[in-house]
Amino acid sequence: LDVPALYENAQRASQFWAQEPVVLYDAVRESLPSRAAVAYPHERINALAARLGENDFAAARVEIQLIFRLLDEAVYDRPEMRSFFVRSILIDILSTVVSAMNQAHIKFKSYNDLYFETLYFCRSFPYEQKKAEIQEHVGQLLDVFEEGVANKCITAVQIQRVVQENCFSPDFSIALLADHFQVSIAYMSLQFKKEMGENFLDYVWKLRLEKAKRLLQESDLSIDEISVAVGYVNTSSFRRKFKQETGLSPSQLRNGTEML
């Protein structure tokens, strides 16, 4: 929903209210500008959120620069929409950055003064007057974000320890792992692949599969009990996954059927 464009159309329609309380589009068509309206940068905002979720700060800075460039063009081309359009985008940029910092568990007290001052500039001043300060403050917020993430360096040894302690729990997930290290799920996924050489699900499944094979060959536990022991409450899912991976059902492996 392009709220700024709708707002501009409503402003134009208001010129007719003295004659008609309800204004149809056809009545104002001729007064609308022939050139295309500046579109709200939804895709850029979403791309910024995605880059921040991945902790790709270089790419995030590029997205922010592109959005600020759009703001400059909007201020120049559409002076009648200046405050409404620009302020909406500025608040979205700030909210996107702070939301990503919150998801990454960056302590708010480390940037609260910077955030509130930036918000004050966005809400209370014309963009042209505080443009330099706003852009500088947003850059400083990213600096705080990047430094906070760097201080949370997660090593393979740390990951292995947490995975070994929890991988056979049915509730274990990448979300729980991210919560343990106080980082975003997107960042945890990237860091896991970087440190462990494969994605989270594949790595955990290999551990579960090895334990299941060992229990099938060395214990008298039932298939259902083994399924639960390796983290699968749904035995059917365990059986299906096991056969997909090994070519044998759990019972066939236990009974000594030769691996395919």
C-alpha atoms as a PDB file:
ATOM      1  CA  LEU A   1       0.000   0.000   0.000  1.00  0.00           C
ATOM      2  CA  ASP A   2       1.617   3.257  -1.192  1.00  0.00           C
ATOM      3  CA  VAL A   3       0.377   5.561   1.561  1.00  0.00           C
ATOM      4  CA  PRO A   4       2.236   8.697   0.395  1.00  0.00           C
ATOM      5  CA  ALA A   5       0.726   8.445  -3.098  1.00  0.00           C
ATOM      6  CA  LEU A   6      -2.745   7.953  -1.625  1.00  0.00           C
ATOM      7  CA  TYR A   7      -2.178  10.957   0.616  1.00  0.00           C
ATOM      8  CA  GLU A   8      -1.227  13.113  -2.355  1.00  0.00           C
ATOM      9  CA  ASN A   9      -4.335  12.016  -4.254  1.00  0.00           C
ATOM     10  CA  ALA A  10      -6.491  12.849  -1.234  1.00  0.00           C
ATOM     11  CA  GLN A  11      -4.930  16.312  -1.077  1.00  0.00           C
ATOM     12  CA  ARG A  12      -5.795  16.918  -4.715  1.00  0.00           C
ATOM     13  CA  ALA A  13      -9.331  15.636  -4.215  1.00  0.00           C
ATOM     14  CA  SER A  14      -9.833  17.958  -1.246  1.00  0.00           C
ATOM     15  CA  GLN A  15      -9.811  20.927  -3.638  1.00  0.00           C
ATOM     16  CA  PHE A  16     -13.230  19.797  -4.876  1.00  0.00           C
ATOM     17  CA  TRP A  17     -14.878  19.262  -1.492  1.00  0.00           C
ATOM     18  CA  ALA A  18     -16.538  22.667  -1.461  1.00  0.00           C
ATOM     19  CA  GLN A  19     -18.535  21.651  -4.538  1.00  0.00           C
ATOM     20  CA  GLU A  20     -18.838  17.895  -3.987  1.00  0.00           C
ATOM     21  CA  PRO A  21     -18.517  15.991  -0.670  1.00  0.00           C
ATOM     22  CA  VAL A  22     -17.582  12.831  -2.584  1.00  0.00           C
ATOM     23  CA  VAL A  23     -14.987  13.097  -5.322  1.00  0.00           C
ATOM     24  CA  LEU A  24     -14.624  10.462  -8.040  1.00  0.00           C
ATOM     25  CA  TYR A  25     -11.330   9.723  -9.744  1.00  0.00           C
ATOM     26  CA  ASP A  26     -12.642  10.907 -13.116  1.00  0.00           C
ATOM     27  CA  ALA A  27     -13.273  14.342 -11.638  1.00  0.00           C
ATOM     28  CA  VAL A  28      -9.617  14.852 -10.724  1.00  0.00           C
ATOM     29  CA  ARG A  29      -7.957  12.876 -13.515  1.00  0.00           C
ATOM     30  CA  GLU A  30      -7.019  15.960 -15.516  1.00  0.00           C
ATOM     31  CA  SER A  31      -5.290  17.598 -12.541  1.00  0.00           C
ATOM     32  CA  LEU A  32      -2.994  14.645 -11.870  1.00  0.00           C
ATOM     33  CA  PRO A  33       0.604  14.922 -13.110  1.00  0.00           C
ATOM     34  CA  SER A  34       1.404  12.940 -16.242  1.00  0.00           C
ATOM     35  CA  ARG A  35       4.761  11.750 -14.900  1.00  0.00           C
ATOM     36  CA  ALA A  36       4.885   8.663 -12.732  1.00  0.00           C
ATOM     37  CA  ALA A  37       4.823   9.115  -8.974  1.00  0.00           C
ATOM     38  CA  VAL A  38       7.871   8.327  -6.896  1.00  0.00           C
ATOM     39  CA  ALA A  39       7.141   4.857  -5.543  1.00  0.00           C
ATOM     40  CA  TYR A  40       7.588   3.980  -1.900  1.00  0.00           C
ATOM     41  CA  PRO A  41      10.766   1.843  -1.649  1.00  0.00           C
ATOM     42  CA  HIS A  42       9.184  -1.290  -0.168  1.00  0.00           C
ATOM     43  CA  GLU A  43      11.607  -3.600  -1.965  1.00  0.00           C
ATOM     44  CA  ARG A  44      14.628  -1.634  -0.786  1.00  0.00           C
ATOM     45  CA  ILE A  45      13.393  -1.643   2.805  1.00  0.00           C
ATOM     46  CA  ASN A  46      12.812  -5.406   2.610  1.00  0.00           C
ATOM     47  CA  ALA A  47      16.258  -5.910   1.070  1.00  0.00           C
ATOM     48  CA  LEU A  48      17.788  -3.867   3.889  1.00  0.00           C
ATOM     49  CA  ALA A  49      16.048  -6.063   6.459  1.00  0.00           C
ATOM     50  CA  ALA A  50      17.313  -9.201   4.712  1.00  0.00           C
ATOM     51  CA  ARG A  51      20.917  -7.967   4.572  1.00  0.00           C
ATOM     52  CA  LEU A  52      20.837  -6.980   8.236  1.00  0.00           C
ATOM     53  CA  GLY A  53      19.374 -10.370   9.150  1.00  0.00           C
ATOM     54  CA  GLU A  54      22.381 -11.967   7.462  1.00  0.00           C
ATOM     55  CA  ASN A  55      24.731  -9.465   9.138  1.00  0.00           C
ATOM     56  CA  ASP A  56      25.954  -8.429   5.698  1.00  0.00           C
ATOM     57  CA  PHE A  57      26.745  -4.877   6.729  1.00  0.00           C
ATOM     58  CA  ALA A  58      28.481  -3.851   3.508  1.00  0.00           C
ATOM     59  CA  ALA A  59      25.394  -4.762   1.479  1.00  0.00           C
ATOM     60  CA  ALA A  60      23.137  -3.125   4.086  1.00  0.00           C
ATOM     61  CA  ARG A  61      25.039   0.139   3.729  1.00  0.00           C
ATOM     62  CA  VAL A  62      24.601   0.001  -0.042  1.00  0.00           C
ATOM     63  CA  GLU A  63      20.839  -0.443   0.374  1.00  0.00           C
ATOM     64  CA  ILE A  64      20.680   2.522   2.749  1.00  0.00           C
ATOM     65  CA  GLN A  65      22.648   4.694   0.325  1.00  0.00           C
ATOM     66  CA  LEU A  66      20.207   3.812  -2.453  1.00  0.00           C
ATOM     67  CA  ILE A  67      17.239   4.712  -0.248  1.00  0.00           C
ATOM     68  CA  PHE A  68      18.787   8.041   0.733  1.00  0.00           C
ATOM     69  CA  ARG A  69      19.383   8.749  -2.947  1.00  0.00           C
ATOM     70  CA  LEU A  70      15.688   8.118  -3.581  1.00  0.00           C
ATOM     71  CA  LEU A  71      14.861  10.553  -0.783  1.00  0.00           C
ATOM     72  CA  ASP A  72      17.004  13.229  -2.392  1.00  0.00           C
ATOM     73  CA  GLU A  73      15.193  12.714  -5.695  1.00  0.00           C
ATOM     74  CA  ALA A  74      11.792  12.798  -4.001  1.00  0.00           C
ATOM     75  CA  VAL A  75      12.582  16.054  -2.220  1.00  0.00           C
ATOM     76  CA  TYR A  76      13.715  17.603  -5.489  1.00  0.00           C
ATOM     77  CA  ASP A  77      10.928  16.288  -7.736  1.00  0.00           C
ATOM     78  CA  ARG A  78       7.925  16.293  -5.387  1.00  0.00           C
ATOM     79  CA  PRO A  79       8.131  19.258  -2.989  1.00  0.00           C
ATOM     80  CA  GLU A  80       4.420  18.991  -2.145  1.00  0.00           C
ATOM     81  CA  MET A  81       5.039  15.516  -0.637  1.00  0.00           C
ATOM     82  CA  ARG A  82       8.293  16.395   1.022  1.00  0.00           C
ATOM     83  CA  SER A  83       7.585  15.997   4.734  1.00  0.00           C
ATOM     84  CA  PHE A  84       5.070  13.119   4.610  1.00  0.00           C
ATOM     85  CA  PHE A  85       6.870  10.943   2.081  1.00  0.00           C
ATOM     86  CA  VAL A  86      10.370  11.494   3.409  1.00  0.00           C
ATOM     87  CA  ARG A  87       9.465  11.119   7.068  1.00  0.00           C
ATOM     88  CA  SER A  88       7.714   7.795   6.393  1.00  0.00           C
ATOM     89  CA  ILE A  89      10.811   6.392   4.699  1.00  0.00           C
ATOM     90  CA  LEU A  90      13.180   7.686   7.373  1.00  0.00           C
ATOM     91  CA  ILE A  91      11.139   6.064  10.134  1.00  0.00           C
ATOM     92  CA  ASP A  92      11.075   2.798   8.176  1.00  0.00           C
ATOM     93  CA  ILE A  93      14.870   2.832   7.789  1.00  0.00           C
ATOM     94  CA  LEU A  94      15.366   3.477  11.485  1.00  0.00           C
ATOM     95  CA  SER A  95      12.782   0.876  12.536  1.00  0.00           C
ATOM     96  CA  THR A  96      14.315  -1.744  10.241  1.00  0.00           C
ATOM     97  CA  VAL A  97      17.811  -1.213  11.635  1.00  0.00           C
ATOM     98  CA  VAL A  98      16.717  -1.204  15.278  1.00  0.00           C
ATOM     99  CA  SER A  99      14.479  -4.249  14.792  1.00  0.00           C
ATOM    100  CA  ALA A 100      17.423  -6.194  13.347  1.00  0.00           C
ATOM    101  CA  MET A 101      19.618  -5.090  16.247  1.00  0.00           C
ATOM    102  CA  ASN A 102      16.982  -6.272  18.694  1.00  0.00           C
ATOM    103  CA  GLN A 103      16.744  -9.661  16.974  1.00  0.00           C
ATOM    104  CA  ALA A 104      20.522  -9.940  17.183  1.00  0.00           C
ATOM    105  CA  HIS A 105      20.315  -9.211  20.924  1.00  0.00           C
ATOM    106  CA  ILE A 106      22.364  -6.023  20.717  1.00  0.00           C
ATOM    107  CA  LYS A 107      21.800  -4.317  24.071  1.00  0.00           C
ATOM    108  CA  PHE A 108      19.529  -1.305  23.661  1.00  0.00           C
ATOM    109  CA  LYS A 109      21.461   0.701  26.232  1.00  0.00           C
ATOM    110  CA  SER A 110      24.477   0.620  23.906  1.00  0.00           C
ATOM    111  CA  TYR A 111      22.662   2.748  21.334  1.00  0.00           C
ATOM    112  CA  ASN A 112      19.520   4.189  22.968  1.00  0.00           C
ATOM    113  CA  ASP A 113      20.756   7.803  22.993  1.00  0.00           C
ATOM    114  CA  LEU A 114      21.771   7.559  19.350  1.00  0.00           C
ATOM    115  CA  TYR A 115      18.428   6.005  18.430  1.00  0.00           C
ATOM    116  CA  PHE A 116      16.280   8.592  20.201  1.00  0.00           C
ATOM    117  CA  GLU A 117      18.251  11.504  18.762  1.00  0.00           C
ATOM    118  CA  THR A 118      17.918  10.066  15.252  1.00  0.00           C
ATOM    119  CA  LEU A 119      14.192   9.557  15.777  1.00  0.00           C
ATOM    120  CA  TYR A 120      13.883  13.151  16.992  1.00  0.00           C
ATOM    121  CA  PHE A 121      15.636  14.462  13.881  1.00  0.00           C
ATOM    122  CA  CYS A 122      13.406  12.349  11.601  1.00  0.00           C
ATOM    123  CA  ARG A 123      10.175  13.484  13.230  1.00  0.00           C
ATOM    124  CA  SER A 124      10.868  17.099  14.109  1.00  0.00           C
ATOM    125  CA  PHE A 125      12.923  18.674  11.323  1.00  0.00           C
ATOM    126  CA  PRO A 126      12.726  19.071   7.550  1.00  0.00           C
ATOM    127  CA  TYR A 127      14.889  16.445   5.883  1.00  0.00           C
ATOM    128  CA  GLU A 128      17.092  19.061   4.205  1.00  0.00           C
ATOM    129  CA  GLN A 129      17.920  20.623   7.552  1.00  0.00           C
ATOM    130  CA  LYS A 130      19.066  17.421   9.312  1.00  0.00           C
ATOM    131  CA  LYS A 131      19.969  15.262   6.316  1.00  0.00           C
ATOM    132  CA  ALA A 132      23.673  15.018   7.177  1.00  0.00           C
ATOM    133  CA  GLU A 133      23.018  14.261  10.849  1.00  0.00           C
ATOM    134  CA  ILE A 134      20.416  11.591  10.081  1.00  0.00           C
ATOM    135  CA  GLN A 135      22.641   9.801   7.584  1.00  0.00           C
ATOM    136  CA  GLU A 136      25.590   9.989   9.975  1.00  0.00           C
ATOM    137  CA  HIS A 137      23.514   8.639  12.876  1.00  0.00           C
ATOM    138  CA  VAL A 138      22.164   5.730  10.816  1.00  0.00           C
ATOM    139  CA  GLY A 139      25.745   4.897   9.861  1.00  0.00           C
ATOM    140  CA  GLN A 140      26.748   4.997  13.523  1.00  0.00           C
ATOM    141  CA  LEU A 141      23.897   2.644  14.416  1.00  0.00           C
ATOM    142  CA  LEU A 142      25.243   0.182  11.856  1.00  0.00           C
ATOM    143  CA  ASP A 143      28.707   0.579  13.379  1.00  0.00           C
ATOM    144  CA  VAL A 144      27.312  -0.324  16.813  1.00  0.00           C
ATOM    145  CA  PHE A 145      25.435  -3.258  15.259  1.00  0.00           C
ATOM    146  CA  GLU A 146      28.505  -4.566  13.442  1.00  0.00           C
ATOM    147  CA  GLU A 147      30.719  -4.204  16.504  1.00  0.00           C
ATOM    148  CA  GLY A 148      28.159  -6.003  18.664  1.00  0.00           C
ATOM    149  CA  VAL A 149      28.019  -8.918  16.238  1.00  0.00           C
ATOM    150  CA  ALA A 150      31.818  -9.073  16.000  1.00  0.00           C
ATOM    151  CA  ASN A 151      31.999  -9.358  19.773  1.00  0.00           C
ATOM    152  CA  LYS A 152      29.744 -12.406  19.550  1.00  0.00           C
ATOM    153  CA  CYS A 153      32.093 -14.497  17.447  1.00  0.00           C
ATOM    154  CA  ILE A 154      30.807 -18.077  17.490  1.00  0.00           C
ATOM    155  CA  THR A 155      33.373 -20.841  16.975  1.00  0.00           C
ATOM    156  CA  ALA A 156      32.986 -24.427  15.790  1.00  0.00           C
ATOM    157  CA  VAL A 157      33.963 -25.689  19.248  1.00  0.00           C
ATOM    158  CA  GLN A 158      31.188 -23.660  20.871  1.00  0.00           C
ATOM    159  CA  ILE A 159      28.644 -24.861  18.328  1.00  0.00           C
ATOM    160  CA  GLN A 160      29.671 -28.503  18.704  1.00  0.00           C
ATOM    161  CA  ARG A 161      29.345 -28.347  22.476  1.00  0.00           C
ATOM    162  CA  VAL A 162      25.790 -26.981  22.372  1.00  0.00           C
ATOM    163  CA  VAL A 163      24.740 -29.353  19.588  1.00  0.00           C
ATOM    164  CA  GLN A 164      26.139 -32.415  21.377  1.00  0.00           C
ATOM    165  CA  GLU A 165      24.266 -31.463  24.532  1.00  0.00           C
ATOM    166  CA  ASN A 166      20.927 -30.880  22.806  1.00  0.00           C
ATOM    167  CA  CYS A 167      20.739 -32.612  19.425  1.00  0.00           C
ATOM    168  CA  PHE A 168      18.713 -35.580  20.674  1.00  0.00           C
ATOM    169  CA  SER A 169      15.981 -33.382  22.111  1.00  0.00           C
ATOM    170  CA  PRO A 170      12.831 -33.237  19.937  1.00  0.00           C
ATOM    171  CA  ASP A 171      12.650 -29.486  20.542  1.00  0.00           C
ATOM    172  CA  PHE A 172      16.177 -28.715  19.378  1.00  0.00           C
ATOM    173  CA  SER A 173      16.237 -26.316  16.425  1.00  0.00           C
ATOM    174  CA  ILE A 174      18.278 -23.595  14.785  1.00  0.00           C
ATOM    175  CA  ALA A 175      16.055 -21.101  16.615  1.00  0.00           C
ATOM    176  CA  LEU A 176      17.059 -22.520  19.995  1.00  0.00           C
ATOM    177  CA  LEU A 177      20.706 -22.501  18.964  1.00  0.00           C
ATOM    178  CA  ALA A 178      20.422 -18.859  17.892  1.00  0.00           C
ATOM    179  CA  ASP A 179      18.738 -18.005  21.169  1.00  0.00           C
ATOM    180  CA  HIS A 180      21.544 -19.680  23.100  1.00  0.00           C
ATOM    181  CA  PHE A 181      24.158 -17.486  21.414  1.00  0.00           C
ATOM    182  CA  GLN A 182      21.825 -14.457  21.386  1.00  0.00           C
ATOM    183  CA  VAL A 183      21.982 -13.853  17.651  1.00  0.00           C
ATOM    184  CA  SER A 184      19.400 -13.848  14.871  1.00  0.00           C
ATOM    185  CA  ILE A 185      18.312 -17.109  13.244  1.00  0.00           C
ATOM    186  CA  ALA A 186      19.588 -15.917   9.850  1.00  0.00           C
ATOM    187  CA  TYR A 187      23.020 -15.141  11.270  1.00  0.00           C
ATOM    188  CA  MET A 188      23.141 -18.414  13.208  1.00  0.00           C
ATOM    189  CA  SER A 189      22.364 -20.349  10.029  1.00  0.00           C
ATOM    190  CA  LEU A 190      25.143 -18.611   8.130  1.00  0.00           C
ATOM    191  CA  GLN A 191      27.629 -19.000  10.967  1.00  0.00           C
ATOM    192  CA  PHE A 192      26.748 -22.683  11.409  1.00  0.00           C
ATOM    193  CA  LYS A 193      27.374 -23.397   7.723  1.00  0.00           C
ATOM    194  CA  LYS A 194      30.613 -21.424   7.825  1.00  0.00           C
ATOM    195  CA  GLU A 195      32.003 -23.147  10.930  1.00  0.00           C
ATOM    196  CA  MET A 196      30.629 -26.663  10.470  1.00  0.00           C
ATOM    197  CA  GLY A 197      30.782 -26.999   6.684  1.00  0.00           C
ATOM    198  CA  GLU A 198      27.134 -28.008   6.261  1.00  0.00           C
ATOM    199  CA  ASN A 199      23.721 -26.761   7.233  1.00  0.00           C
ATOM    200  CA  PHE A 200      22.152 -27.294  10.634  1.00  0.00           C
ATOM    201  CA  LEU A 201      19.538 -29.894   9.671  1.00  0.00           C
ATOM    202  CA  ASP A 202      21.995 -32.124   7.809  1.00  0.00           C
ATOM    203  CA  TYR A 203      24.538 -31.979  10.621  1.00  0.00           C
ATOM    204  CA  VAL A 204      22.027 -32.830  13.345  1.00  0.00           C
ATOM    205  CA  TRP A 205      20.473 -35.615  11.290  1.00  0.00           C
ATOM    206  CA  LYS A 206      23.864 -37.308  10.860  1.00  0.00           C
ATOM    207  CA  LEU A 207      24.347 -37.343  14.626  1.00  0.00           C
ATOM    208  CA  ARG A 208      20.871 -38.751  15.143  1.00  0.00           C
ATOM    209  CA  LEU A 209      21.353 -41.359  12.441  1.00  0.00           C
ATOM    210  CA  GLU A 210      24.623 -42.613  13.921  1.00  0.00           C
ATOM    211  CA  LYS A 211      23.072 -42.954  17.353  1.00  0.00           C
ATOM    212  CA  ALA A 212      20.029 -44.730  15.907  1.00  0.00           C
ATOM    213  CA  LYS A 213      22.250 -47.252  14.096  1.00  0.00           C
ATOM    214  CA  ARG A 214      24.210 -47.909  17.262  1.00  0.00           C
ATOM    215  CA  LEU A 215      21.077 -48.449  19.344  1.00  0.00           C
ATOM    216  CA  LEU A 216      19.560 -50.725  16.712  1.00  0.00           C
ATOM    217  CA  GLN A 217      22.651 -52.941  16.707  1.00  0.00           C
ATOM    218  CA  GLU A 218      23.631 -52.801  20.377  1.00  0.00           C
ATOM    219  CA  SER A 219      20.389 -52.488  22.358  1.00  0.00           C
ATOM    220  CA  ASP A 220      17.025 -54.180  22.789  1.00  0.00           C
ATOM    221  CA  LEU A 221      15.080 -50.913  22.612  1.00  0.00           C
ATOM    222  CA  SER A 222      12.047 -50.919  20.338  1.00  0.00           C
ATOM    223  CA  ILE A 223      12.003 -48.847  17.150  1.00  0.00           C
ATOM    224  CA  ASP A 224       9.605 -46.411  18.817  1.00  0.00           C
ATOM    225  CA  GLU A 225      11.918 -46.025  21.815  1.00  0.00           C
ATOM    226  CA  ILE A 226      14.934 -45.479  19.582  1.00  0.00           C
ATOM    227  CA  SER A 227      13.003 -42.894  17.589  1.00  0.00           C
ATOM    228  CA  VAL A 228      12.325 -40.899  20.755  1.00  0.00           C
ATOM    229  CA  ALA A 229      15.898 -41.406  21.978  1.00  0.00           C
ATOM    230  CA  VAL A 230      17.304 -39.682  18.903  1.00  0.00           C
ATOM    231  CA  GLY A 231      14.823 -36.804  18.900  1.00  0.00           C
ATOM    232  CA  TYR A 232      11.864 -38.023  16.853  1.00  0.00           C
ATOM    233  CA  VAL A 233       8.510 -38.104  18.631  1.00  0.00           C
ATOM    234  CA  ASN A 234       6.820 -39.139  15.393  1.00  0.00           C
ATOM    235  CA  THR A 235       8.098 -42.645  14.678  1.00  0.00           C
ATOM    236  CA  SER A 236       6.748 -42.613  11.131  1.00  0.00           C
ATOM    237  CA  SER A 237       8.882 -39.592  10.311  1.00  0.00           C
ATOM    238  CA  PHE A 238      11.921 -41.315  11.795  1.00  0.00           C
ATOM    239  CA  ARG A 239      11.338 -44.536   9.830  1.00  0.00           C
ATOM    240  CA  ARG A 240      10.826 -42.626   6.584  1.00  0.00           C
ATOM    241  CA  LYS A 241      13.918 -40.476   7.070  1.00  0.00           C
ATOM    242  CA  PHE A 242      16.011 -43.494   8.092  1.00  0.00           C
ATOM    243  CA  LYS A 243      15.080 -45.499   5.014  1.00  0.00           C
ATOM    244  CA  GLN A 244      15.535 -42.510   2.726  1.00  0.00           C
ATOM    245  CA  GLU A 245      19.076 -42.097   4.031  1.00  0.00           C
ATOM    246  CA  THR A 246      20.218 -45.728   4.311  1.00  0.00           C
ATOM    247  CA  GLY A 247      18.034 -47.615   1.860  1.00  0.00           C
ATOM    248  CA  LEU A 248      16.937 -49.881   4.734  1.00  0.00           C
ATOM    249  CA  SER A 249      14.207 -49.708   7.307  1.00  0.00           C
ATOM    250  CA  PRO A 250      15.313 -49.662  10.966  1.00  0.00           C
ATOM    251  CA  SER A 251      14.067 -53.257  11.332  1.00  0.00           C
ATOM    252  CA  GLN A 252      16.053 -54.431   8.313  1.00  0.00           C
ATOM    253  CA  LEU A 253      19.251 -52.935   9.671  1.00  0.00           C
ATOM    254  CA  ARG A 254      18.628 -54.523  13.081  1.00  0.00           C
ATOM    255  CA  ASN A 255      18.012 -57.909  11.508  1.00  0.00           C
ATOM    256  CA  GLY A 256      21.300 -57.741   9.652  1.00  0.00           C
ATOM    257  CA  THR A 257      20.043 -57.063   6.146  1.00  0.00           C
ATOM    258  CA  GLU A 258      23.003 -55.998   4.033  1.00  0.00           C
ATOM    259  CA  MET A 259      23.179 -52.265   3.356  1.00  0.00           C
ATOM    260  CA  LEU A 260      22.241 -51.260  -0.177  1.00  0.00           C
END
